[in-house]
Amino acid sequence: MSPAELKRVQKTLGTTTFAFDFWLDSSQRLRKMTFGFALHNAQPGPNSNGGEGSQKAPVAITQTLNVSNYGVPVDVTAPPPSEVTPEGTCSSNSSGVSCEQSGSSQAP
């Protein structure tokens, strides 16, 4: 991500602070990670009255990832192309969220 793209993301999210916590086991392998941030520029939801003077709502997002079963073999089958969302860029505005595909390359 370029510095200009990072600045655009920070402006869109309304924050430059992202909190991370990591838990490692005795072999220094990641076992748990929690990360989060607050969106201070979040717009009122579609069910709000949306009238003049509507307040922007702060939204807190927190995600926790638990990691286990290191070294256990897995058998993974790729989904059919009809179930794959192409790589792209999503943006939001007063009309909602829209996503545009960014390139025509496909995974083998």
C-alpha atoms as a PDB file:
ATOM      1  CA  MET A   1       0.000   0.000   0.000  1.00  0.00           C
ATOM      2  CA  SER A   2       1.414   3.341  -1.007  1.00  0.00           C
ATOM      3  CA  PRO A   3       1.627   6.288   1.445  1.00  0.00           C
ATOM      4  CA  ALA A   4      -1.144   8.049  -0.522  1.00  0.00           C
ATOM      5  CA  GLU A   5      -3.409   4.976  -0.285  1.00  0.00           C
ATOM      6  CA  LEU A   6      -2.706   4.653   3.437  1.00  0.00           C
ATOM      7  CA  LYS A   7      -3.585   8.316   3.972  1.00  0.00           C
ATOM      8  CA  ARG A   8      -6.859   7.810   2.028  1.00  0.00           C
ATOM      9  CA  VAL A   9      -7.755   4.783   4.185  1.00  0.00           C
ATOM     10  CA  GLN A  10      -6.993   6.720   7.376  1.00  0.00           C
ATOM     11  CA  LYS A  11      -9.171   9.610   6.198  1.00  0.00           C
ATOM     12  CA  THR A  12     -12.019   7.265   5.195  1.00  0.00           C
ATOM     13  CA  LEU A  13     -11.925   5.383   8.515  1.00  0.00           C
ATOM     14  CA  GLY A  14     -11.404   8.517  10.559  1.00  0.00           C
ATOM     15  CA  THR A  15      -8.637   6.903  12.602  1.00  0.00           C
ATOM     16  CA  THR A  16      -4.926   6.184  12.540  1.00  0.00           C
ATOM     17  CA  THR A  17      -5.011   3.905  15.599  1.00  0.00           C
ATOM     18  CA  PHE A  18      -5.294   0.136  15.255  1.00  0.00           C
ATOM     19  CA  ALA A  19      -4.869  -1.968  18.415  1.00  0.00           C
ATOM     20  CA  PHE A  20      -3.336  -5.466  18.274  1.00  0.00           C
ATOM     21  CA  ASP A  21      -2.793  -8.075  21.001  1.00  0.00           C
ATOM     22  CA  PHE A  22      -0.860 -11.306  20.324  1.00  0.00           C
ATOM     23  CA  TRP A  23      -0.615 -14.458  22.409  1.00  0.00           C
ATOM     24  CA  LEU A  24       2.281 -16.847  21.674  1.00  0.00           C
ATOM     25  CA  ASP A  25       2.849 -20.360  22.970  1.00  0.00           C
ATOM     26  CA  SER A  26       6.116 -21.666  24.465  1.00  0.00           C
ATOM     27  CA  SER A  27       7.390 -22.388  20.912  1.00  0.00           C
ATOM     28  CA  GLN A  28       6.713 -18.764  19.909  1.00  0.00           C
ATOM     29  CA  ARG A  29       3.819 -19.767  17.627  1.00  0.00           C
ATOM     30  CA  LEU A  30       0.844 -17.469  17.316  1.00  0.00           C
ATOM     31  CA  ARG A  31      -2.114 -18.860  19.288  1.00  0.00           C
ATOM     32  CA  LYS A  32      -4.452 -15.891  19.486  1.00  0.00           C
ATOM     33  CA  MET A  33      -4.610 -12.416  17.993  1.00  0.00           C
ATOM     34  CA  THR A  34      -7.145  -9.689  18.717  1.00  0.00           C
ATOM     35  CA  PHE A  35      -7.247  -6.489  16.725  1.00  0.00           C
ATOM     36  CA  GLY A  36      -9.627  -3.607  16.488  1.00  0.00           C
ATOM     37  CA  PHE A  37     -10.315   0.003  15.688  1.00  0.00           C
ATOM     38  CA  ALA A  38     -13.089   2.567  15.891  1.00  0.00           C
ATOM     39  CA  LEU A  39     -14.716   4.187  12.871  1.00  0.00           C
ATOM     40  CA  HIS A  40     -15.512   7.744  13.854  1.00  0.00           C
ATOM     41  CA  ASN A  41     -16.804   8.718  10.410  1.00  0.00           C
ATOM     42  CA  ALA A  42     -19.464   5.989  10.168  1.00  0.00           C
ATOM     43  CA  GLN A  43     -22.690   7.233   8.613  1.00  0.00           C
ATOM     44  CA  PRO A  44     -26.139   6.606  10.146  1.00  0.00           C
ATOM     45  CA  GLY A  45     -27.617   3.242   9.115  1.00  0.00           C
ATOM     46  CA  PRO A  46     -30.303   2.806   6.464  1.00  0.00           C
ATOM     47  CA  ASN A  47     -33.042   2.537   9.119  1.00  0.00           C
ATOM     48  CA  SER A  48     -32.191   5.867  10.770  1.00  0.00           C
ATOM     49  CA  ASN A  49     -34.363   8.886  10.009  1.00  0.00           C
ATOM     50  CA  GLY A  50     -31.454  10.342   7.977  1.00  0.00           C
ATOM     51  CA  GLY A  51     -32.810  13.869   8.286  1.00  0.00           C
ATOM     52  CA  GLU A  52     -30.866  17.088   8.561  1.00  0.00           C
ATOM     53  CA  GLY A  53     -28.616  17.082  11.578  1.00  0.00           C
ATOM     54  CA  SER A  54     -28.301  13.281  11.736  1.00  0.00           C
ATOM     55  CA  GLN A  55     -25.186  12.433  13.715  1.00  0.00           C
ATOM     56  CA  LYS A  56     -22.358  10.302  12.439  1.00  0.00           C
ATOM     57  CA  ALA A  57     -22.149   7.201  14.595  1.00  0.00           C
ATOM     58  CA  PRO A  58     -18.896   5.844  16.042  1.00  0.00           C
ATOM     59  CA  VAL A  59     -18.554   2.122  15.341  1.00  0.00           C
ATOM     60  CA  ALA A  60     -16.087  -0.155  17.139  1.00  0.00           C
ATOM     61  CA  ILE A  61     -14.796  -3.201  15.277  1.00  0.00           C
ATOM     62  CA  THR A  62     -12.931  -5.971  17.099  1.00  0.00           C
ATOM     63  CA  GLN A  63     -11.833  -9.306  15.643  1.00  0.00           C
ATOM     64  CA  THR A  64     -10.272 -12.283  17.423  1.00  0.00           C
ATOM     65  CA  LEU A  65      -8.396 -15.066  15.646  1.00  0.00           C
ATOM     66  CA  ASN A  66      -7.664 -18.329  17.485  1.00  0.00           C
ATOM     67  CA  VAL A  67      -4.957 -20.539  15.950  1.00  0.00           C
ATOM     68  CA  SER A  68      -4.508 -24.235  16.723  1.00  0.00           C
ATOM     69  CA  ASN A  69      -3.554 -27.630  15.279  1.00  0.00           C
ATOM     70  CA  TYR A  70      -0.110 -26.660  13.997  1.00  0.00           C
ATOM     71  CA  GLY A  71       1.358 -29.435  11.837  1.00  0.00           C
ATOM     72  CA  VAL A  72      -1.972 -31.193  11.197  1.00  0.00           C
ATOM     73  CA  PRO A  73      -2.386 -32.005   7.486  1.00  0.00           C
ATOM     74  CA  VAL A  74      -5.373 -30.453   5.727  1.00  0.00           C
ATOM     75  CA  ASP A  75      -7.159 -31.247   2.479  1.00  0.00           C
ATOM     76  CA  VAL A  76      -8.570 -28.116   0.849  1.00  0.00           C
ATOM     77  CA  THR A  77     -10.482 -27.900  -2.419  1.00  0.00           C
ATOM     78  CA  ALA A  78     -10.828 -24.544  -4.157  1.00  0.00           C
ATOM     79  CA  PRO A  79     -14.436 -23.391  -4.607  1.00  0.00           C
ATOM     80  CA  PRO A  80     -15.892 -23.193  -8.117  1.00  0.00           C
ATOM     81  CA  PRO A  81     -15.385 -19.830  -9.882  1.00  0.00           C
ATOM     82  CA  SER A  82     -19.098 -19.015  -9.467  1.00  0.00           C
ATOM     83  CA  GLU A  83     -18.568 -18.880  -5.688  1.00  0.00           C
ATOM     84  CA  VAL A  84     -15.462 -16.672  -5.754  1.00  0.00           C
ATOM     85  CA  THR A  85     -15.559 -12.895  -5.455  1.00  0.00           C
ATOM     86  CA  PRO A  86     -12.972 -11.329  -7.749  1.00  0.00           C
ATOM     87  CA  GLU A  87     -10.289  -9.105  -6.270  1.00  0.00           C
ATOM     88  CA  GLY A  88     -11.459  -5.531  -6.280  1.00  0.00           C
ATOM     89  CA  THR A  89     -11.988  -2.289  -4.469  1.00  0.00           C
ATOM     90  CA  CYS A  90     -15.064  -1.499  -2.417  1.00  0.00           C
ATOM     91  CA  SER A  91     -16.204   1.942  -1.355  1.00  0.00           C
ATOM     92  CA  SER A  92     -19.189   3.340   0.461  1.00  0.00           C
ATOM     93  CA  ASN A  93     -21.237   6.473   0.104  1.00  0.00           C
ATOM     94  CA  SER A  94     -24.759   7.649   0.918  1.00  0.00           C
ATOM     95  CA  SER A  95     -26.132   5.122  -1.613  1.00  0.00           C
ATOM     96  CA  GLY A  96     -24.481   2.133   0.077  1.00  0.00           C
ATOM     97  CA  VAL A  97     -21.469  -0.018  -0.771  1.00  0.00           C
ATOM     98  CA  SER A  98     -20.213  -0.710  -4.283  1.00  0.00           C
ATOM     99  CA  CYS A  99     -17.346  -2.937  -5.381  1.00  0.00           C
ATOM    100  CA  GLU A 100     -15.370  -2.806  -8.609  1.00  0.00           C
ATOM    101  CA  GLN A 101     -13.171  -5.581  -9.949  1.00  0.00           C
ATOM    102  CA  SER A 102      -9.533  -4.456 -10.235  1.00  0.00           C
ATOM    103  CA  GLY A 103      -7.991  -6.552 -12.967  1.00  0.00           C
ATOM    104  CA  SER A 104      -8.824  -9.634 -14.939  1.00  0.00           C
ATOM    105  CA  SER A 105      -6.304 -12.124 -13.558  1.00  0.00           C
ATOM    106  CA  GLN A 106      -7.716 -15.333 -12.144  1.00  0.00           C
ATOM    107  CA  ALA A 107      -6.109 -17.879  -9.894  1.00  0.00           C
ATOM    108  CA  PRO A 108      -5.194 -21.184 -11.578  1.00  0.00           C
END
